[in-house]
Amino acid sequence: MNIQYKRQHNDSYMVVDAVDTISSYEERMIEENRIDALLEVSKININGTQQYNYNISRKENLEDYLDSHDLTIDIVRRIILNIQLAYDELEKYMIDDCHIWLSKESVYLEKSYDSFKVSLCYYPKNMGNVQEQFRSIMEHLLTVVPASDKELAKVVYEAYDICLKEDYTLSEILDCISDVCEVSEPPVEKINLREEERTECDYIEQDYFNQQGEYISDQFDEISQEKTSLFWQVQGAVKNFLCKKIEFKDNPILESDDFVIDPENIELEQKTELLADVKPSGKLVYDGLNREEDFLVDKDVFRIGSGRANDAVLHERTVSTNHAKIVREGDDFYLSDLNSTNSTFVNNEQLVYRNPVKLRIMDRISFANVNYTFM
């Protein structure tokens, strides 16, 4: 599926070529009702080509969400639960499951604090049943499980094992997660965040970022205890093959060793070590009068936003929680906007969601109204 993204004023859209269909009951039902479980969609004609424009403002797709959050058992549970609740709502309108495009690129979550509300993508073509499409989502989950979290890996792997059946249900997956490892949330102390730490939008009167998703379930049966069977025993050729496909996204741990240098061999050996170990780094130099800092871009993926988990934490209220990221590829650096509310600009050019731009020395970057120079 060819996906494009565009930005109009303060709204972001995912654009997909439309299919030739006769106006159906489903399309009329979607036009006449605001179905909360679906992305808002409009069909437009551009130079004789029909396109679907899905409004993805203040949302991020599942792939980006998993990439920007530390994966936990509870996050996996809540995402699957809210996907199931979205399908339950679609049943009320008799929307065919095969007309829902379910993938890591087309499932969207709200960009708000502690909200797991899911919006699905309606596409009037046979995209496959829920079982076929959700299986690919579970395969992606396998690739982003931290290698150090054996408990989470066990849960995700056993859940995926259920997905290998032809007629499994999402309820079975949720039961498996509770059955394999009891999900328990430790008591937390209520913290009042400083006003400046909250992400707001100057253009929008309503505060989206404190809005609770209506699909969040705070009550979920937690049953059973951990099974004592060994997780790492692989049963059958299929499991063995799938294990080889798993790639973990942990950041490598850099170790520093003390070297004793022989002066007679310093030329070639020292030069080889430096070329092998040293990676280029960039710098974001703040260009303003407020209290923002300069930042050294010394990671392969460098995240910018107002959330405290970012590598560069900005304090302006116009900056989104997960605003943008810089990816290092060899000697080059690429900047991407993460569907932020007030956008990201390079030399006054507005970036489009998921369309990276190569940075050059002295480029002027604006995260909303916070200005930096790339060095």
Protein backbone atom coordinates (compact mmCIF):
# COMPACT_ATOMS: atom_id res chain seq x y z
CA MET A 1 0.00 0.00 0.00
CA ASN A 2 1.46 3.35 -1.06
CA ILE A 3 1.10 5.87 1.77
CA GLN A 4 1.75 9.59 1.57
CA TYR A 5 1.43 12.25 4.23
CA LYS A 6 0.51 15.90 3.97
CA ARG A 7 -0.13 18.84 6.23
CA GLN A 8 -2.81 21.50 5.75
CA HIS A 9 -2.77 24.36 8.23
CA ASN A 10 -2.74 22.61 11.61
CA ASP A 11 -4.08 19.26 10.40
CA SER A 12 -2.16 16.19 9.26
CA TYR A 13 -3.42 13.61 6.77
CA MET A 14 -2.49 10.13 5.65
CA VAL A 15 -3.21 9.88 1.91
CA VAL A 16 -3.93 6.59 0.12
CA ASP A 17 -5.18 5.99 -3.42
CA ALA A 18 -8.86 5.11 -3.43
CA VAL A 19 -10.36 1.97 -4.91
CA ASP A 20 -13.17 1.98 -7.46
CA THR A 21 -16.29 1.13 -5.51
CA ILE A 22 -19.98 1.83 -5.83
CA SER A 23 -21.35 3.81 -2.91
CA SER A 24 -22.15 1.16 -0.34
CA TYR A 25 -24.06 0.88 2.89
CA GLU A 26 -20.78 1.07 4.81
CA GLU A 27 -19.66 4.31 3.16
CA ARG A 28 -23.05 5.94 3.75
CA MET A 29 -23.02 4.76 7.36
CA ILE A 30 -19.56 6.27 7.91
CA GLU A 31 -20.58 9.55 6.25
CA GLU A 32 -23.73 9.89 8.34
CA ASN A 33 -22.23 8.85 11.68
CA ARG A 34 -19.18 9.94 13.58
CA ILE A 35 -17.76 6.50 14.36
CA ASP A 36 -15.22 7.04 17.10
CA ALA A 37 -13.33 3.84 16.35
CA LEU A 38 -12.42 4.98 12.82
CA LEU A 39 -10.11 7.64 11.47
CA GLU A 40 -12.08 10.50 9.95
CA VAL A 41 -11.86 10.03 6.18
CA SER A 42 -12.79 12.06 3.10
CA LYS A 43 -12.66 11.04 -0.55
CA ILE A 44 -11.25 13.66 -2.91
CA ASN A 45 -10.29 13.91 -6.58
CA ILE A 46 -6.79 15.15 -7.43
CA ASN A 47 -6.11 15.52 -11.16
CA GLY A 48 -8.50 12.71 -11.98
CA THR A 49 -7.17 10.42 -9.24
CA GLN A 50 -9.41 9.46 -6.34
CA GLN A 51 -7.75 9.56 -2.92
CA TYR A 52 -8.72 8.84 0.65
CA ASN A 53 -7.56 11.50 3.11
CA TYR A 54 -7.44 10.22 6.68
CA ASN A 55 -7.22 12.90 9.36
CA ILE A 56 -4.41 11.84 11.72
CA SER A 57 -4.01 15.14 13.58
CA ARG A 58 -2.72 14.72 17.14
CA LYS A 59 -2.25 10.99 16.56
CA GLU A 60 0.70 8.69 15.88
CA ASN A 61 0.69 5.31 14.24
CA LEU A 62 1.45 2.15 16.15
CA GLU A 63 4.96 1.83 14.74
CA ASP A 64 5.97 5.31 15.94
CA TYR A 65 4.23 4.82 19.28
CA LEU A 66 6.16 1.64 20.03
CA ASP A 67 9.37 3.29 18.84
CA SER A 68 9.00 6.20 21.26
CA HIS A 69 7.83 4.32 24.38
CA ASP A 70 9.47 1.77 26.62
CA LEU A 71 7.50 -1.39 25.93
CA THR A 72 5.89 -3.06 28.96
CA ILE A 73 3.42 -5.89 29.49
CA ASP A 74 0.74 -3.38 30.44
CA ILE A 75 1.27 -1.31 27.28
CA VAL A 76 0.92 -4.45 25.14
CA ARG A 77 -2.24 -5.42 27.03
CA ARG A 78 -3.83 -1.98 26.70
CA ILE A 79 -3.10 -1.67 22.99
CA ILE A 80 -4.63 -5.07 22.22
CA LEU A 81 -7.60 -4.37 24.50
CA ASN A 82 -8.36 -1.08 22.76
CA ILE A 83 -8.06 -2.67 19.31
CA GLN A 84 -10.62 -5.23 20.44
CA LEU A 85 -12.92 -2.49 21.80
CA ALA A 86 -12.65 -0.62 18.49
CA TYR A 87 -13.78 -3.73 16.60
CA ASP A 88 -16.64 -4.16 19.08
CA GLU A 89 -17.88 -0.67 18.22
CA LEU A 90 -17.70 -1.37 14.49
CA GLU A 91 -20.02 -4.35 14.94
CA LYS A 92 -22.78 -1.91 15.94
CA TYR A 93 -22.58 -0.36 12.46
CA MET A 94 -22.15 -3.70 10.65
CA ILE A 95 -18.77 -2.73 9.17
CA ASP A 96 -17.07 -5.72 7.52
CA ASP A 97 -13.86 -6.66 9.40
CA CYS A 98 -12.15 -7.31 6.07
CA HIS A 99 -12.59 -3.62 5.19
CA ILE A 100 -10.44 -2.54 8.13
CA TRP A 101 -6.78 -2.03 7.29
CA LEU A 102 -4.94 -3.31 10.35
CA SER A 103 -1.18 -2.74 10.34
CA LYS A 104 1.52 -0.93 12.28
CA GLU A 105 1.23 1.97 9.79
CA SER A 106 -2.58 2.28 9.84
CA VAL A 107 -3.48 1.79 13.51
CA TYR A 108 -3.36 5.16 15.26
CA LEU A 109 -3.22 6.13 18.93
CA GLU A 110 -3.93 9.50 20.51
CA LYS A 111 -0.90 11.67 21.30
CA SER A 112 -2.10 12.36 24.84
CA TYR A 113 -1.06 11.47 28.35
CA ASP A 114 -1.97 7.92 29.39
CA SER A 115 -4.46 7.45 26.54
CA PHE A 116 -4.57 4.23 24.57
CA LYS A 117 -7.61 5.12 22.46
CA VAL A 118 -7.23 3.44 19.08
CA SER A 119 -8.50 4.69 15.71
CA LEU A 120 -8.72 2.12 12.92
CA CYS A 121 -8.53 2.72 9.17
CA TYR A 122 -11.52 1.92 6.94
CA TYR A 123 -10.55 0.87 3.40
CA PRO A 124 -13.30 -0.67 1.21
CA LYS A 125 -11.23 -3.51 -0.17
CA ASN A 126 -10.65 -7.03 1.10
CA MET A 127 -7.64 -6.45 3.37
CA GLY A 128 -7.85 -9.88 5.01
CA ASN A 129 -9.55 -10.94 8.20
CA VAL A 130 -8.62 -9.82 11.70
CA GLN A 131 -6.57 -12.95 12.36
CA GLU A 132 -4.36 -12.51 9.30
CA GLN A 133 -3.71 -8.81 9.84
CA PHE A 134 -3.23 -8.89 13.60
CA ARG A 135 -0.67 -11.65 13.18
CA SER A 136 1.59 -9.16 11.36
CA ILE A 137 1.23 -6.71 14.26
CA MET A 138 2.35 -9.39 16.69
CA GLU A 139 5.32 -10.16 14.46
CA HIS A 140 6.32 -6.50 14.69
CA LEU A 141 5.95 -6.59 18.48
CA LEU A 142 8.42 -9.47 18.56
CA THR A 143 11.04 -7.28 16.89
CA VAL A 144 10.78 -4.43 19.42
CA VAL A 145 10.87 -6.43 22.66
CA PRO A 146 13.93 -5.39 24.72
CA ALA A 147 16.37 -8.30 24.96
CA SER A 148 16.84 -7.65 28.67
CA ASP A 149 13.15 -8.09 29.48
CA LYS A 150 12.79 -11.88 29.52
CA GLU A 151 9.36 -11.73 31.15
CA LEU A 152 7.94 -9.47 28.43
CA ALA A 153 9.55 -11.58 25.70
CA LYS A 154 7.90 -14.66 27.18
CA VAL A 155 4.47 -13.02 27.20
CA VAL A 156 4.71 -11.68 23.64
CA TYR A 157 6.09 -14.94 22.28
CA GLU A 158 3.35 -17.07 23.84
CA ALA A 159 0.72 -14.59 22.62
CA TYR A 160 2.17 -14.86 19.12
CA ASP A 161 2.03 -18.64 19.39
CA ILE A 162 -1.76 -18.31 19.68
CA CYS A 163 -1.77 -16.13 16.53
CA LEU A 164 -0.45 -19.08 14.52
CA LYS A 165 -3.89 -20.67 14.81
CA GLU A 166 -6.40 -19.92 12.06
CA ASP A 167 -9.40 -19.10 14.24
CA TYR A 168 -7.95 -17.36 17.30
CA THR A 169 -9.61 -14.30 18.85
CA LEU A 170 -8.22 -11.14 20.43
CA SER A 171 -9.86 -12.24 23.68
CA GLU A 172 -7.66 -15.34 23.66
CA ILE A 173 -4.59 -13.11 23.28
CA LEU A 174 -5.67 -10.97 26.25
CA ASP A 175 -6.38 -14.07 28.34
CA CYS A 176 -2.92 -15.39 27.46
CA ILE A 177 -1.24 -12.18 28.62
CA SER A 178 -3.03 -12.37 31.96
CA ASP A 179 -2.49 -16.11 32.23
CA VAL A 180 1.23 -16.12 31.46
CA CYS A 181 2.18 -13.22 33.67
CA GLU A 182 -0.12 -11.55 36.16
CA VAL A 183 -0.28 -7.85 35.35
CA SER A 184 0.03 -5.84 38.53
CA GLU A 185 0.33 -2.08 38.74
CA PRO A 186 2.27 -0.78 41.76
CA PRO A 187 0.67 2.09 43.69
CA VAL A 188 1.82 5.45 42.46
CA GLU A 189 1.85 8.78 44.16
CA LYS A 190 -0.16 11.48 42.45
CA ILE A 191 2.14 14.14 41.09
CA ASN A 192 1.07 17.60 40.00
CA LEU A 193 3.12 18.44 36.95
CA ARG A 194 4.46 21.92 36.60
CA GLU A 195 2.35 23.96 34.24
CA GLU A 196 5.22 24.46 31.85
CA GLU A 197 5.74 20.71 31.52
CA ARG A 198 2.30 20.19 30.04
CA THR A 199 2.09 20.10 26.26
CA GLU A 200 -0.40 22.57 24.86
CA CYS A 201 -1.23 24.03 21.50
CA ASP A 202 -1.54 27.77 20.91
CA TYR A 203 -3.90 27.12 18.04
CA ILE A 204 -6.33 24.88 19.87
CA GLU A 205 -8.59 25.92 22.73
CA GLN A 206 -9.21 22.38 23.90
CA ASP A 207 -6.39 20.62 25.73
CA TYR A 208 -6.00 17.34 23.87
CA PHE A 209 -3.07 16.21 25.89
CA ASN A 210 -4.97 15.69 29.14
CA GLN A 211 -7.95 14.09 27.45
CA GLN A 212 -8.63 10.55 28.58
CA GLY A 213 -9.37 8.04 25.80
CA GLU A 214 -12.81 6.59 26.20
CA TYR A 215 -11.55 3.11 25.37
CA ILE A 216 -9.20 2.88 28.33
CA SER A 217 -10.24 0.11 30.65
CA ASP A 218 -9.07 0.59 34.20
CA GLN A 219 -10.72 -2.62 35.27
CA PHE A 220 -9.23 -5.77 33.80
CA ASP A 221 -9.28 -9.19 35.37
CA GLU A 222 -5.83 -10.21 36.51
CA ILE A 223 -5.68 -13.94 36.94
CA SER A 224 -3.26 -16.73 37.48
CA GLN A 225 0.41 -16.69 38.37
CA GLU A 226 3.50 -17.09 36.26
CA LYS A 227 3.98 -20.47 34.72
CA THR A 228 7.16 -22.17 35.78
CA SER A 229 7.80 -23.83 32.44
CA LEU A 230 10.89 -22.68 30.60
CA PHE A 231 10.05 -20.02 27.99
CA TRP A 232 13.15 -20.48 25.90
CA GLN A 233 12.34 -24.10 24.90
CA VAL A 234 11.40 -23.84 21.25
CA GLN A 235 8.83 -26.34 20.05
CA GLY A 236 8.71 -27.16 16.37
CA ALA A 237 10.32 -25.82 13.23
CA VAL A 238 7.96 -22.83 12.93
CA LYS A 239 8.91 -21.44 16.34
CA ASN A 240 12.57 -22.05 15.63
CA PHE A 241 12.28 -20.07 12.39
CA LEU A 242 10.43 -17.20 14.03
CA CYS A 243 12.99 -16.88 16.78
CA LYS A 244 15.67 -16.28 14.17
CA LYS A 245 13.62 -13.38 12.79
CA ILE A 246 13.50 -11.49 16.07
CA GLU A 247 15.64 -8.39 16.27
CA PHE A 248 15.73 -6.48 19.50
CA LYS A 249 15.86 -2.70 19.60
CA ASP A 250 18.03 -2.22 22.67
CA ASN A 251 20.58 0.54 22.51
CA PRO A 252 24.06 -1.01 22.64
CA ILE A 253 26.04 -0.48 25.82
CA LEU A 254 29.23 1.33 25.08
CA GLU A 255 32.19 0.09 27.11
CA SER A 256 35.34 2.06 27.69
CA ASP A 257 38.61 0.13 27.97
CA ASP A 258 42.02 1.33 29.04
CA PHE A 259 44.65 0.83 26.34
CA VAL A 260 48.43 0.76 26.64
CA ILE A 261 49.87 2.27 23.45
CA ASP A 262 53.20 1.12 22.08
CA PRO A 263 54.86 4.26 20.63
CA GLU A 264 56.51 2.22 17.86
CA ASN A 265 53.15 1.02 16.56
CA ILE A 266 51.14 4.17 17.15
CA GLU A 267 50.59 5.30 13.54
CA LEU A 268 48.55 2.54 11.94
CA GLU A 269 47.00 0.96 15.02
CA GLN A 270 45.80 4.16 16.66
CA LYS A 271 44.34 5.46 13.41
CA THR A 272 42.47 2.20 12.80
CA GLU A 273 40.92 2.25 16.28
CA LEU A 274 39.68 5.80 15.87
CA LEU A 275 38.13 5.19 12.46
CA ALA A 276 36.33 2.11 13.73
CA ASP A 277 35.01 3.54 16.98
CA VAL A 278 34.30 7.23 16.54
CA LYS A 279 30.93 8.23 15.07
CA PRO A 280 30.10 11.73 13.86
CA SER A 281 28.00 13.91 16.12
CA GLY A 282 25.98 17.02 15.45
CA LYS A 283 24.94 19.83 17.73
CA LEU A 284 21.71 21.75 18.24
CA VAL A 285 22.64 25.29 19.27
CA TYR A 286 19.78 27.22 20.88
CA ASP A 287 18.90 30.51 19.21
CA GLY A 288 16.59 32.32 21.60
CA LEU A 289 16.20 34.26 24.82
CA ASN A 290 14.50 31.68 27.03
CA ARG A 291 15.93 28.86 29.13
CA GLU A 292 16.46 26.14 26.54
CA GLU A 293 19.81 24.36 26.31
CA ASP A 294 22.21 23.29 23.57
CA PHE A 295 22.25 19.57 22.78
CA LEU A 296 24.88 17.21 21.39
CA VAL A 297 23.33 14.79 18.88
CA ASP A 298 25.46 11.74 19.63
CA LYS A 299 22.96 8.87 19.23
CA ASP A 300 21.68 6.99 16.20
CA VAL A 301 18.13 8.04 17.14
CA PHE A 302 17.91 11.36 18.99
CA ARG A 303 14.46 12.44 20.21
CA ILE A 304 13.22 15.96 20.84
CA GLY A 305 10.09 17.02 22.74
CA SER A 306 8.65 18.29 25.99
CA GLY A 307 8.37 14.82 27.52
CA ARG A 308 11.04 13.98 30.06
CA ALA A 309 11.95 10.72 28.29
CA ASN A 310 13.37 12.62 25.29
CA ASP A 311 17.08 13.15 24.64
CA ALA A 312 16.45 16.87 24.18
CA VAL A 313 13.79 18.10 26.61
CA LEU A 314 12.29 21.46 25.61
CA HIS A 315 10.20 23.52 27.99
CA GLU A 316 8.01 25.67 25.75
CA ARG A 317 4.33 24.79 26.06
CA THR A 318 3.96 24.84 22.26
CA VAL A 319 6.30 21.84 21.91
CA SER A 320 4.62 18.42 21.76
CA THR A 321 5.54 15.60 24.12
CA ASN A 322 7.15 13.63 21.28
CA HIS A 323 7.83 16.38 18.78
CA ALA A 324 10.60 15.26 16.40
CA LYS A 325 13.58 12.96 16.02
CA ILE A 326 17.00 13.06 14.36
CA VAL A 327 18.32 9.81 12.87
CA ARG A 328 22.04 9.35 12.22
CA GLU A 329 22.89 7.29 9.13
CA GLY A 330 26.63 7.07 8.57
CA ASP A 331 27.90 10.65 8.41
CA ASP A 332 24.47 12.12 7.69
CA PHE A 333 21.66 13.31 9.97
CA TYR A 334 17.95 13.26 9.06
CA LEU A 335 15.22 15.20 10.87
CA SER A 336 11.62 13.95 11.01
CA ASP A 337 8.53 15.52 12.52
CA LEU A 338 6.51 13.14 14.70
CA ASN A 339 3.12 14.60 13.79
CA SER A 340 3.58 17.38 16.33
CA THR A 341 0.78 19.84 16.95
CA ASN A 342 2.70 22.96 15.94
CA SER A 343 5.03 21.28 13.45
CA THR A 344 8.77 21.33 12.81
CA PHE A 345 10.50 23.64 10.32
CA VAL A 346 13.87 23.57 8.56
CA ASN A 347 14.85 26.93 7.09
CA ASN A 348 11.19 27.98 7.39
CA GLU A 349 10.01 24.94 5.40
CA GLN A 350 7.35 22.94 7.24
CA LEU A 351 8.12 19.23 7.60
CA VAL A 352 5.54 16.58 6.81
CA TYR A 353 4.97 13.64 9.14
CA ARG A 354 7.28 10.67 8.38
CA ASN A 355 9.11 12.54 5.59
CA PRO A 356 12.72 12.94 6.85
CA VAL A 357 14.89 15.85 5.69
CA LYS A 358 18.68 15.70 5.51
CA LEU A 359 20.30 18.29 7.77
CA ARG A 360 23.20 20.49 6.72
CA ILE A 361 25.53 22.65 8.77
CA MET A 362 23.93 25.99 9.74
CA ASP A 363 20.39 24.78 8.98
CA ARG A 364 17.88 26.72 11.07
CA ILE A 365 15.46 24.36 12.84
CA SER A 366 12.25 25.38 14.62
CA PHE A 367 10.43 22.99 16.94
CA ALA A 368 7.14 24.93 17.06
CA ASN A 369 8.51 28.37 18.06
CA VAL A 370 11.76 27.12 19.63
CA ASN A 371 14.66 27.88 17.30
CA TYR A 372 17.95 26.02 16.93
CA THR A 373 20.89 26.02 14.54
CA PHE A 374 22.35 22.68 13.47
CA MET A 375 26.14 22.56 13.72
